[in-house]
Amino acid sequence: MSRLDGRIEELEVLFDVLAENGQVSCQALDTGFTGSLTVNAATAARLGFSKVAGTTRGELADGSEVALEYVLGAVVWLGRRRTIKAVLIETERGSIGMGLLRDVIVHIDTHAGVASIDRAV
């Protein structure tokens, strides 16, 4: 599959990301996040991601820096298996960052309430 269909709900662009273990996680598109995924601990466990694998530096919107824990996991992204770092967060919904959006085309149709991600190369 070289296309991922999404939807727009309450001002969020949402996509269902499939983990290698077959579990699905609803993720919001976040072009301000340079990593691959953010997930909470419960979602990381359900998706079969590792226990905390390390920490990485993150810069918040206000410019301050924080240490963020991450886990490792595998997702099926546009038909291909990808091993990723997923940053742990405390919010209910995670996000897809620019780390997964490299070399893709993102279509957002706010009028129809739909979105898609297509492999560009």
C-alpha atoms as a PDB file:
ATOM      1  CA  MET A   1       0.000   0.000   0.000  1.00  0.00           C
ATOM      2  CA  SER A   2       1.550   3.301  -1.046  1.00  0.00           C
ATOM      3  CA  ARG A   3      -1.278   5.484   0.301  1.00  0.00           C
ATOM      4  CA  LEU A   4      -2.609   6.187   3.767  1.00  0.00           C
ATOM      5  CA  ASP A   5      -6.075   7.748   4.021  1.00  0.00           C
ATOM      6  CA  GLY A   6      -6.978  10.019   6.912  1.00  0.00           C
ATOM      7  CA  ARG A   7      -9.718  12.305   8.128  1.00  0.00           C
ATOM      8  CA  ILE A   8     -10.219  15.684   9.741  1.00  0.00           C
ATOM      9  CA  GLU A   9     -11.955  15.831  13.112  1.00  0.00           C
ATOM     10  CA  GLU A  10     -12.251  18.857  15.366  1.00  0.00           C
ATOM     11  CA  LEU A  11      -9.392  20.725  13.644  1.00  0.00           C
ATOM     12  CA  GLU A  12      -7.023  17.744  13.721  1.00  0.00           C
ATOM     13  CA  VAL A  13      -5.747  15.806  10.715  1.00  0.00           C
ATOM     14  CA  LEU A  14      -5.863  12.148  11.824  1.00  0.00           C
ATOM     15  CA  PHE A  15      -4.334   8.962  10.431  1.00  0.00           C
ATOM     16  CA  ASP A  16      -4.418   5.390  11.699  1.00  0.00           C
ATOM     17  CA  VAL A  17      -0.886   4.029  12.008  1.00  0.00           C
ATOM     18  CA  LEU A  18      -0.450   0.249  11.936  1.00  0.00           C
ATOM     19  CA  ALA A  19       2.167  -1.293  14.228  1.00  0.00           C
ATOM     20  CA  GLU A  20       4.028  -4.398  13.171  1.00  0.00           C
ATOM     21  CA  ASN A  21       1.972  -6.413  15.712  1.00  0.00           C
ATOM     22  CA  GLY A  22      -1.224  -5.477  13.827  1.00  0.00           C
ATOM     23  CA  GLN A  23      -2.484  -2.960  16.381  1.00  0.00           C
ATOM     24  CA  VAL A  24      -3.702   0.433  15.153  1.00  0.00           C
ATOM     25  CA  SER A  25      -3.087   3.802  16.772  1.00  0.00           C
ATOM     26  CA  CYS A  26      -4.863   7.018  15.786  1.00  0.00           C
ATOM     27  CA  GLN A  27      -2.299   9.767  15.338  1.00  0.00           C
ATOM     28  CA  ALA A  28      -2.618  13.486  14.613  1.00  0.00           C
ATOM     29  CA  LEU A  29      -0.414  15.116  11.996  1.00  0.00           C
ATOM     30  CA  ASP A  30       2.122  17.467  13.633  1.00  0.00           C
ATOM     31  CA  THR A  31       4.521  19.187  11.236  1.00  0.00           C
ATOM     32  CA  GLY A  32       6.133  21.000  14.182  1.00  0.00           C
ATOM     33  CA  PHE A  33       7.440  17.673  15.534  1.00  0.00           C
ATOM     34  CA  THR A  34      10.684  16.585  13.863  1.00  0.00           C
ATOM     35  CA  GLY A  35      10.607  12.968  15.116  1.00  0.00           C
ATOM     36  CA  SER A  36       8.555  10.049  13.830  1.00  0.00           C
ATOM     37  CA  LEU A  37       5.788   9.404  16.393  1.00  0.00           C
ATOM     38  CA  THR A  38       4.673  10.460  19.832  1.00  0.00           C
ATOM     39  CA  VAL A  39       2.657   7.997  21.920  1.00  0.00           C
ATOM     40  CA  ASN A  40       1.671   7.599  25.551  1.00  0.00           C
ATOM     41  CA  ALA A  41       2.993   4.642  27.571  1.00  0.00           C
ATOM     42  CA  ALA A  42      -0.257   2.644  27.318  1.00  0.00           C
ATOM     43  CA  THR A  43      -0.337   2.989  23.527  1.00  0.00           C
ATOM     44  CA  ALA A  44       3.357   2.074  23.261  1.00  0.00           C
ATOM     45  CA  ALA A  45       2.711  -1.133  25.233  1.00  0.00           C
ATOM     46  CA  ARG A  46      -0.373  -2.015  23.142  1.00  0.00           C
ATOM     47  CA  LEU A  47       1.603  -1.506  19.923  1.00  0.00           C
ATOM     48  CA  GLY A  48       4.326  -3.844  21.165  1.00  0.00           C
ATOM     49  CA  PHE A  49       6.996  -1.147  21.346  1.00  0.00           C
ATOM     50  CA  SER A  50       9.987  -1.616  23.651  1.00  0.00           C
ATOM     51  CA  LYS A  51      10.280  -0.412  27.215  1.00  0.00           C
ATOM     52  CA  VAL A  52      12.009   2.960  27.503  1.00  0.00           C
ATOM     53  CA  ALA A  53      15.099   2.719  25.302  1.00  0.00           C
ATOM     54  CA  GLY A  54      16.662   6.096  26.106  1.00  0.00           C
ATOM     55  CA  THR A  55      16.226   9.834  26.176  1.00  0.00           C
ATOM     56  CA  THR A  56      16.524  12.482  23.524  1.00  0.00           C
ATOM     57  CA  ARG A  57      16.577  16.266  23.691  1.00  0.00           C
ATOM     58  CA  GLY A  58      13.471  18.109  22.649  1.00  0.00           C
ATOM     59  CA  GLU A  59      12.722  21.776  22.107  1.00  0.00           C
ATOM     60  CA  LEU A  60       9.304  23.025  23.152  1.00  0.00           C
ATOM     61  CA  ALA A  61       7.348  25.730  21.348  1.00  0.00           C
ATOM     62  CA  ASP A  62       8.584  28.335  23.854  1.00  0.00           C
ATOM     63  CA  GLY A  63      12.210  27.487  23.007  1.00  0.00           C
ATOM     64  CA  SER A  64      12.994  25.640  26.237  1.00  0.00           C
ATOM     65  CA  GLU A  65      14.751  22.286  26.044  1.00  0.00           C
ATOM     66  CA  VAL A  66      13.624  19.114  27.788  1.00  0.00           C
ATOM     67  CA  ALA A  67      14.775  15.507  27.999  1.00  0.00           C
ATOM     68  CA  LEU A  68      12.197  13.167  26.471  1.00  0.00           C
ATOM     69  CA  GLU A  69      12.056   9.395  26.892  1.00  0.00           C
ATOM     70  CA  TYR A  70      11.574   7.263  23.808  1.00  0.00           C
ATOM     71  CA  VAL A  71      10.734   3.672  22.917  1.00  0.00           C
ATOM     72  CA  LEU A  72      11.608   1.679  19.815  1.00  0.00           C
ATOM     73  CA  GLY A  73       9.005   0.032  17.644  1.00  0.00           C
ATOM     74  CA  ALA A  74       8.115  -1.069  14.146  1.00  0.00           C
ATOM     75  CA  VAL A  75       5.288   0.312  12.038  1.00  0.00           C
ATOM     76  CA  VAL A  76       3.995  -0.489   8.584  1.00  0.00           C
ATOM     77  CA  TRP A  77       4.314   2.849   6.826  1.00  0.00           C
ATOM     78  CA  LEU A  78       2.973   3.086   3.266  1.00  0.00           C
ATOM     79  CA  GLY A  79       3.399  -0.648   2.827  1.00  0.00           C
ATOM     80  CA  ARG A  80       6.925  -0.843   4.213  1.00  0.00           C
ATOM     81  CA  ARG A  81       8.197  -1.889   7.634  1.00  0.00           C
ATOM     82  CA  ARG A  82       9.994   0.919   9.452  1.00  0.00           C
ATOM     83  CA  THR A  83      11.722   0.791  12.807  1.00  0.00           C
ATOM     84  CA  ILE A  84      11.184   4.083  14.598  1.00  0.00           C
ATOM     85  CA  LYS A  85      11.796   5.955  17.828  1.00  0.00           C
ATOM     86  CA  ALA A  86       8.516   6.986  19.433  1.00  0.00           C
ATOM     87  CA  VAL A  87       8.739   9.799  21.974  1.00  0.00           C
ATOM     88  CA  LEU A  88       6.668   9.185  25.084  1.00  0.00           C
ATOM     89  CA  ILE A  89       4.097  11.841  25.945  1.00  0.00           C
ATOM     90  CA  GLU A  90       1.270  12.047  28.465  1.00  0.00           C
ATOM     91  CA  THR A  91      -1.591  13.141  26.206  1.00  0.00           C
ATOM     92  CA  GLU A  92      -4.276  10.755  24.937  1.00  0.00           C
ATOM     93  CA  ARG A  93      -3.613  11.201  21.209  1.00  0.00           C
ATOM     94  CA  GLY A  94      -0.145  10.855  19.756  1.00  0.00           C
ATOM     95  CA  SER A  95       1.225  12.454  16.640  1.00  0.00           C
ATOM     96  CA  ILE A  96       2.986  11.756  13.364  1.00  0.00           C
ATOM     97  CA  GLY A  97       6.005  13.983  12.873  1.00  0.00           C
ATOM     98  CA  MET A  98       8.197  15.031  10.001  1.00  0.00           C
ATOM     99  CA  GLY A  99      10.429  11.983  10.559  1.00  0.00           C
ATOM    100  CA  LEU A 100       7.758   9.842   8.854  1.00  0.00           C
ATOM    101  CA  LEU A 101       6.722  12.523   6.376  1.00  0.00           C
ATOM    102  CA  ARG A 102      10.005  12.695   4.467  1.00  0.00           C
ATOM    103  CA  ASP A 103       9.600  11.815   0.794  1.00  0.00           C
ATOM    104  CA  VAL A 104       5.793  11.737   0.873  1.00  0.00           C
ATOM    105  CA  ILE A 105       3.010  13.915  -0.460  1.00  0.00           C
ATOM    106  CA  VAL A 106       0.385  15.017   2.067  1.00  0.00           C
ATOM    107  CA  HIS A 107      -3.060  16.022   0.771  1.00  0.00           C
ATOM    108  CA  ILE A 108      -5.462  17.817   3.106  1.00  0.00           C
ATOM    109  CA  ASP A 109      -8.983  18.634   1.903  1.00  0.00           C
ATOM    110  CA  THR A 110     -10.596  20.615   4.705  1.00  0.00           C
ATOM    111  CA  HIS A 111     -13.795  21.068   2.701  1.00  0.00           C
ATOM    112  CA  ALA A 112     -14.382  17.307   2.372  1.00  0.00           C
ATOM    113  CA  GLY A 113     -12.844  16.510   5.751  1.00  0.00           C
ATOM    114  CA  VAL A 114     -10.341  14.025   4.347  1.00  0.00           C
ATOM    115  CA  ALA A 115      -6.581  13.720   4.037  1.00  0.00           C
ATOM    116  CA  SER A 116      -4.084  11.313   2.513  1.00  0.00           C
ATOM    117  CA  ILE A 117      -0.386  10.541   2.516  1.00  0.00           C
ATOM    118  CA  ASP A 118       1.169   9.111  -0.655  1.00  0.00           C
ATOM    119  CA  ARG A 119       4.663   7.821  -1.258  1.00  0.00           C
ATOM    120  CA  ALA A 120       6.471  10.311  -3.509  1.00  0.00           C
ATOM    121  CA  VAL A 121       9.524   8.233  -4.429  1.00  0.00           C
END
